[in-house]
Amino acid sequence: MFKIIRRAAALVALAMLSFRAVGSFLSWIEKQEDGPQNVWADDDEFEDA
């Protein structure tokens, strides 16, 4: 009986950690989009020089 309870608790804990990790990752991606968009220089800028 205790084995089932321990496994259920471990499964719930694993699910919570997984959702938290995915949430953190999506939050990080959202923060990356807020930064400067033109980080890489275009080749067209240097052709005119």
PDB file of N, CA and C in Angstrom:
ATOM      1  N   MET A   1       0.821  -1.198   0.000  1.00  0.00           N
ATOM      2  CA  MET A   1       0.000   0.000   0.000  1.00  0.00           C
ATOM      3  C   MET A   1       0.865   1.261   0.000  1.00  0.00           C
ATOM      4  N   PHE A   2       1.888   1.250   0.849  1.00  0.00           N
ATOM      5  CA  PHE A   2       2.756   2.424   0.918  1.00  0.00           C
ATOM      6  C   PHE A   2       3.558   2.605  -0.369  1.00  0.00           C
ATOM      7  N   LYS A   3       3.838   1.503  -1.019  1.00  0.00           N
ATOM      8  CA  LYS A   3       4.586   1.565  -2.282  1.00  0.00           C
ATOM      9  C   LYS A   3       3.782   2.333  -3.338  1.00  0.00           C
ATOM     10  N   ILE A   4       2.479   2.095  -3.388  1.00  0.00           N
ATOM     11  CA  ILE A   4       1.619   2.794  -4.342  1.00  0.00           C
ATOM     12  C   ILE A   4       1.559   4.281  -4.022  1.00  0.00           C
ATOM     13  N   ILE A   5       1.453   4.601  -2.738  1.00  0.00           N
ATOM     14  CA  ILE A   5       1.395   6.012  -2.324  1.00  0.00           C
ATOM     15  C   ILE A   5       2.695   6.725  -2.658  1.00  0.00           C
ATOM     16  N   ARG A   6       3.823   6.066  -2.411  1.00  0.00           N
ATOM     17  CA  ARG A   6       5.118   6.681  -2.732  1.00  0.00           C
ATOM     18  C   ARG A   6       5.274   6.902  -4.227  1.00  0.00           C
ATOM     19  N   ARG A   7       4.856   5.934  -5.018  1.00  0.00           N
ATOM     20  CA  ARG A   7       4.958   6.083  -6.475  1.00  0.00           C
ATOM     21  C   ARG A   7       4.034   7.177  -6.985  1.00  0.00           C
ATOM     22  N   ALA A   8       2.842   7.277  -6.420  1.00  0.00           N
ATOM     23  CA  ALA A   8       1.906   8.336  -6.819  1.00  0.00           C
ATOM     24  C   ALA A   8       2.474   9.703  -6.443  1.00  0.00           C
ATOM     25  N   ALA A   9       3.057   9.814  -5.258  1.00  0.00           N
ATOM     26  CA  ALA A   9       3.657  11.074  -4.836  1.00  0.00           C
ATOM     27  C   ALA A   9       4.838  11.436  -5.733  1.00  0.00           C
ATOM     28  N   ALA A  10       5.631  10.463  -6.105  1.00  0.00           N
ATOM     29  CA  ALA A  10       6.764  10.715  -6.995  1.00  0.00           C
ATOM     30  C   ALA A  10       6.275  11.145  -8.372  1.00  0.00           C
ATOM     31  N   LEU A  11       5.209  10.548  -8.850  1.00  0.00           N
ATOM     32  CA  LEU A  11       4.647  10.910 -10.148  1.00  0.00           C
ATOM     33  C   LEU A  11       4.106  12.340 -10.124  1.00  0.00           C
ATOM     34  N   VAL A  12       3.427  12.710  -9.050  1.00  0.00           N
ATOM     35  CA  VAL A  12       2.905  14.075  -8.918  1.00  0.00           C
ATOM     36  C   VAL A  12       4.059  15.072  -8.848  1.00  0.00           C
ATOM     37  N   ALA A  13       5.087  14.753  -8.081  1.00  0.00           N
ATOM     38  CA  ALA A  13       6.237  15.648  -7.971  1.00  0.00           C
ATOM     39  C   ALA A  13       6.937  15.804  -9.316  1.00  0.00           C
ATOM     40  N   LEU A  14       7.083  14.720 -10.038  1.00  0.00           N
ATOM     41  CA  LEU A  14       7.720  14.774 -11.355  1.00  0.00           C
ATOM     42  C   LEU A  14       6.892  15.606 -12.329  1.00  0.00           C
ATOM     43  N   ALA A  15       5.582  15.446 -12.289  1.00  0.00           N
ATOM     44  CA  ALA A  15       4.708  16.225 -13.166  1.00  0.00           C
ATOM     45  C   ALA A  15       4.805  17.719 -12.824  1.00  0.00           C
ATOM     46  N   MET A  16       4.828  18.047 -11.545  1.00  0.00           N
ATOM     47  CA  MET A  16       4.938  19.455 -11.138  1.00  0.00           C
ATOM     48  C   MET A  16       6.261  20.057 -11.591  1.00  0.00           C
ATOM     49  N   LEU A  17       7.345  19.313 -11.430  1.00  0.00           N
ATOM     50  CA  LEU A  17       8.649  19.803 -11.872  1.00  0.00           C
ATOM     51  C   LEU A  17       8.697  19.977 -13.384  1.00  0.00           C
ATOM     52  N   SER A  18       8.062  19.069 -14.101  1.00  0.00           N
ATOM     53  CA  SER A  18       8.043  19.168 -15.558  1.00  0.00           C
ATOM     54  C   SER A  18       7.290  20.413 -16.014  1.00  0.00           C
ATOM     55  N   PHE A  19       6.115  20.653 -15.436  1.00  0.00           N
ATOM     56  CA  PHE A  19       5.350  21.843 -15.798  1.00  0.00           C
ATOM     57  C   PHE A  19       6.103  23.118 -15.440  1.00  0.00           C
ATOM     58  N   ARG A  20       6.786  23.096 -14.300  1.00  0.00           N
ATOM     59  CA  ARG A  20       7.561  24.271 -13.889  1.00  0.00           C
ATOM     60  C   ARG A  20       8.726  24.521 -14.849  1.00  0.00           C
ATOM     61  N   ALA A  21       9.384  23.457 -15.288  1.00  0.00           N
ATOM     62  CA  ALA A  21      10.500  23.594 -16.221  1.00  0.00           C
ATOM     63  C   ALA A  21      10.025  24.138 -17.563  1.00  0.00           C
ATOM     64  N   VAL A  22       8.914  23.626 -18.052  1.00  0.00           N
ATOM     65  CA  VAL A  22       8.373  24.107 -19.324  1.00  0.00           C
ATOM     66  C   VAL A  22       7.966  25.567 -19.191  1.00  0.00           C
ATOM     67  N   GLY A  23       7.350  25.928 -18.082  1.00  0.00           N
ATOM     68  CA  GLY A  23       6.967  27.322 -17.848  1.00  0.00           C
ATOM     69  C   GLY A  23       8.176  28.237 -17.806  1.00  0.00           C
ATOM     70  N   SER A  24       9.237  27.821 -17.165  1.00  0.00           N
ATOM     71  CA  SER A  24      10.457  28.622 -17.107  1.00  0.00           C
ATOM     72  C   SER A  24      11.065  28.787 -18.493  1.00  0.00           C
ATOM     73  N   PHE A  25      11.068  27.718 -19.255  1.00  0.00           N
ATOM     74  CA  PHE A  25      11.635  27.779 -20.600  1.00  0.00           C
ATOM     75  C   PHE A  25      10.836  28.724 -21.488  1.00  0.00           C
ATOM     76  N   LEU A  26       9.512  28.630 -21.432  1.00  0.00           N
ATOM     77  CA  LEU A  26       8.683  29.517 -22.241  1.00  0.00           C
ATOM     78  C   LEU A  26       8.832  30.966 -21.805  1.00  0.00           C
ATOM     79  N   SER A  27       8.985  31.192 -20.506  1.00  0.00           N
ATOM     80  CA  SER A  27       9.210  32.547 -20.005  1.00  0.00           C
ATOM     81  C   SER A  27      10.546  33.084 -20.510  1.00  0.00           C
ATOM     82  N   TRP A  28      11.570  32.223 -20.542  1.00  0.00           N
ATOM     83  CA  TRP A  28      12.879  32.640 -21.037  1.00  0.00           C
ATOM     84  C   TRP A  28      12.806  33.003 -22.517  1.00  0.00           C
ATOM     85  N   ILE A  29      12.075  32.198 -23.284  1.00  0.00           N
ATOM     86  CA  ILE A  29      11.929  32.486 -24.714  1.00  0.00           C
ATOM     87  C   ILE A  29      11.214  33.822 -24.903  1.00  0.00           C
ATOM     88  N   GLU A  30      10.187  34.069 -24.106  1.00  0.00           N
ATOM     89  CA  GLU A  30       9.444  35.322 -24.215  1.00  0.00           C
ATOM     90  C   GLU A  30      10.340  36.515 -23.898  1.00  0.00           C
ATOM     91  N   LYS A  31      11.229  36.370 -22.924  1.00  0.00           N
ATOM     92  CA  LYS A  31      12.159  37.455 -22.590  1.00  0.00           C
ATOM     93  C   LYS A  31      13.168  37.675 -23.706  1.00  0.00           C
ATOM     94  N   GLN A  32      13.565  36.602 -24.400  1.00  0.00           N
ATOM     95  CA  GLN A  32      14.521  36.742 -25.494  1.00  0.00           C
ATOM     96  C   GLN A  32      13.926  37.537 -26.649  1.00  0.00           C
ATOM     97  N   GLU A  33      12.627  37.418 -26.865  1.00  0.00           N
ATOM     98  CA  GLU A  33      11.974  38.132 -27.955  1.00  0.00           C
ATOM     99  C   GLU A  33      11.871  39.626 -27.674  1.00  0.00           C
ATOM    100  N   ASP A  34      11.958  40.019 -26.403  1.00  0.00           N
ATOM    101  CA  ASP A  34      11.855  41.426 -26.042  1.00  0.00           C
ATOM    102  C   ASP A  34      13.144  42.193 -26.319  1.00  0.00           C
ATOM    103  N   GLY A  35      14.235  41.511 -26.555  1.00  0.00           N
ATOM    104  CA  GLY A  35      15.533  42.149 -26.769  1.00  0.00           C
ATOM    105  C   GLY A  35      15.623  42.781 -28.136  1.00  0.00           C
ATOM    106  N   PRO A  36      16.786  43.331 -28.440  1.00  0.00           N
ATOM    107  CA  PRO A  36      16.969  43.940 -29.769  1.00  0.00           C
ATOM    108  C   PRO A  36      16.800  42.915 -30.880  1.00  0.00           C
ATOM    109  N   GLN A  37      16.078  43.299 -31.898  1.00  0.00           N
ATOM    110  CA  GLN A  37      15.764  42.362 -32.978  1.00  0.00           C
ATOM    111  C   GLN A  37      16.881  42.262 -34.006  1.00  0.00           C
ATOM    112  N   ASN A  38      17.632  43.326 -34.213  1.00  0.00           N
ATOM    113  CA  ASN A  38      18.657  43.343 -35.259  1.00  0.00           C
ATOM    114  C   ASN A  38      20.039  43.094 -34.664  1.00  0.00           C
ATOM    115  N   VAL A  39      20.216  41.929 -34.094  1.00  0.00           N
ATOM    116  CA  VAL A  39      21.504  41.594 -33.499  1.00  0.00           C
ATOM    117  C   VAL A  39      22.512  41.262 -34.590  1.00  0.00           C
ATOM    118  N   TRP A  40      22.086  40.538 -35.611  1.00  0.00           N
ATOM    119  CA  TRP A  40      22.976  40.144 -36.689  1.00  0.00           C
ATOM    120  C   TRP A  40      22.963  41.214 -37.770  1.00  0.00           C
ATOM    121  N   ALA A  41      24.134  41.527 -38.266  1.00  0.00           N
ATOM    122  CA  ALA A  41      24.250  42.516 -39.340  1.00  0.00           C
ATOM    123  C   ALA A  41      23.876  41.857 -40.674  1.00  0.00           C
ATOM    124  N   ASP A  42      23.118  42.574 -41.467  1.00  0.00           N
ATOM    125  CA  ASP A  42      22.751  42.069 -42.780  1.00  0.00           C
ATOM    126  C   ASP A  42      23.897  42.286 -43.750  1.00  0.00           C
ATOM    127  N   ASP A  43      24.042  41.389 -44.714  1.00  0.00           N
ATOM    128  CA  ASP A  43      25.084  41.537 -45.725  1.00  0.00           C
ATOM    129  C   ASP A  43      24.818  42.735 -46.621  1.00  0.00           C
ATOM    130  N   ASP A  44      23.555  43.121 -46.768  1.00  0.00           N
ATOM    131  CA  ASP A  44      23.215  44.253 -47.627  1.00  0.00           C
ATOM    132  C   ASP A  44      23.800  45.560 -47.103  1.00  0.00           C
ATOM    133  N   GLU A  45      23.983  45.664 -45.795  1.00  0.00           N
ATOM    134  CA  GLU A  45      24.531  46.884 -45.207  1.00  0.00           C
ATOM    135  C   GLU A  45      25.982  47.108 -45.654  1.00  0.00           C
ATOM    136  N   PHE A  46      26.708  46.022 -45.828  1.00  0.00           N
ATOM    137  CA  PHE A  46      28.115  46.148 -46.153  1.00  0.00           C
ATOM    138  C   PHE A  46      28.375  46.228 -47.665  1.00  0.00           C
ATOM    139  N   GLU A  47      27.393  45.876 -48.468  1.00  0.00           N
ATOM    140  CA  GLU A  47      27.583  45.932 -49.915  1.00  0.00           C
ATOM    141  C   GLU A  47      27.654  47.371 -50.407  1.00  0.00           C
ATOM    142  N   ASP A  48      26.950  48.283 -49.754  1.00  0.00           N
ATOM    143  CA  ASP A  48      26.936  49.676 -50.177  1.00  0.00           C
ATOM    144  C   ASP A  48      28.214  50.407 -49.795  1.00  0.00           C
ATOM    145  N   ALA A  49      28.952  49.890 -48.851  1.00  0.00           N
ATOM    146  CA  ALA A  49      30.152  50.592 -48.362  1.00  0.00           C
ATOM    147  C   ALA A  49      31.304  50.535 -49.337  1.00  0.00           C
TER     148      ALA A  49
END
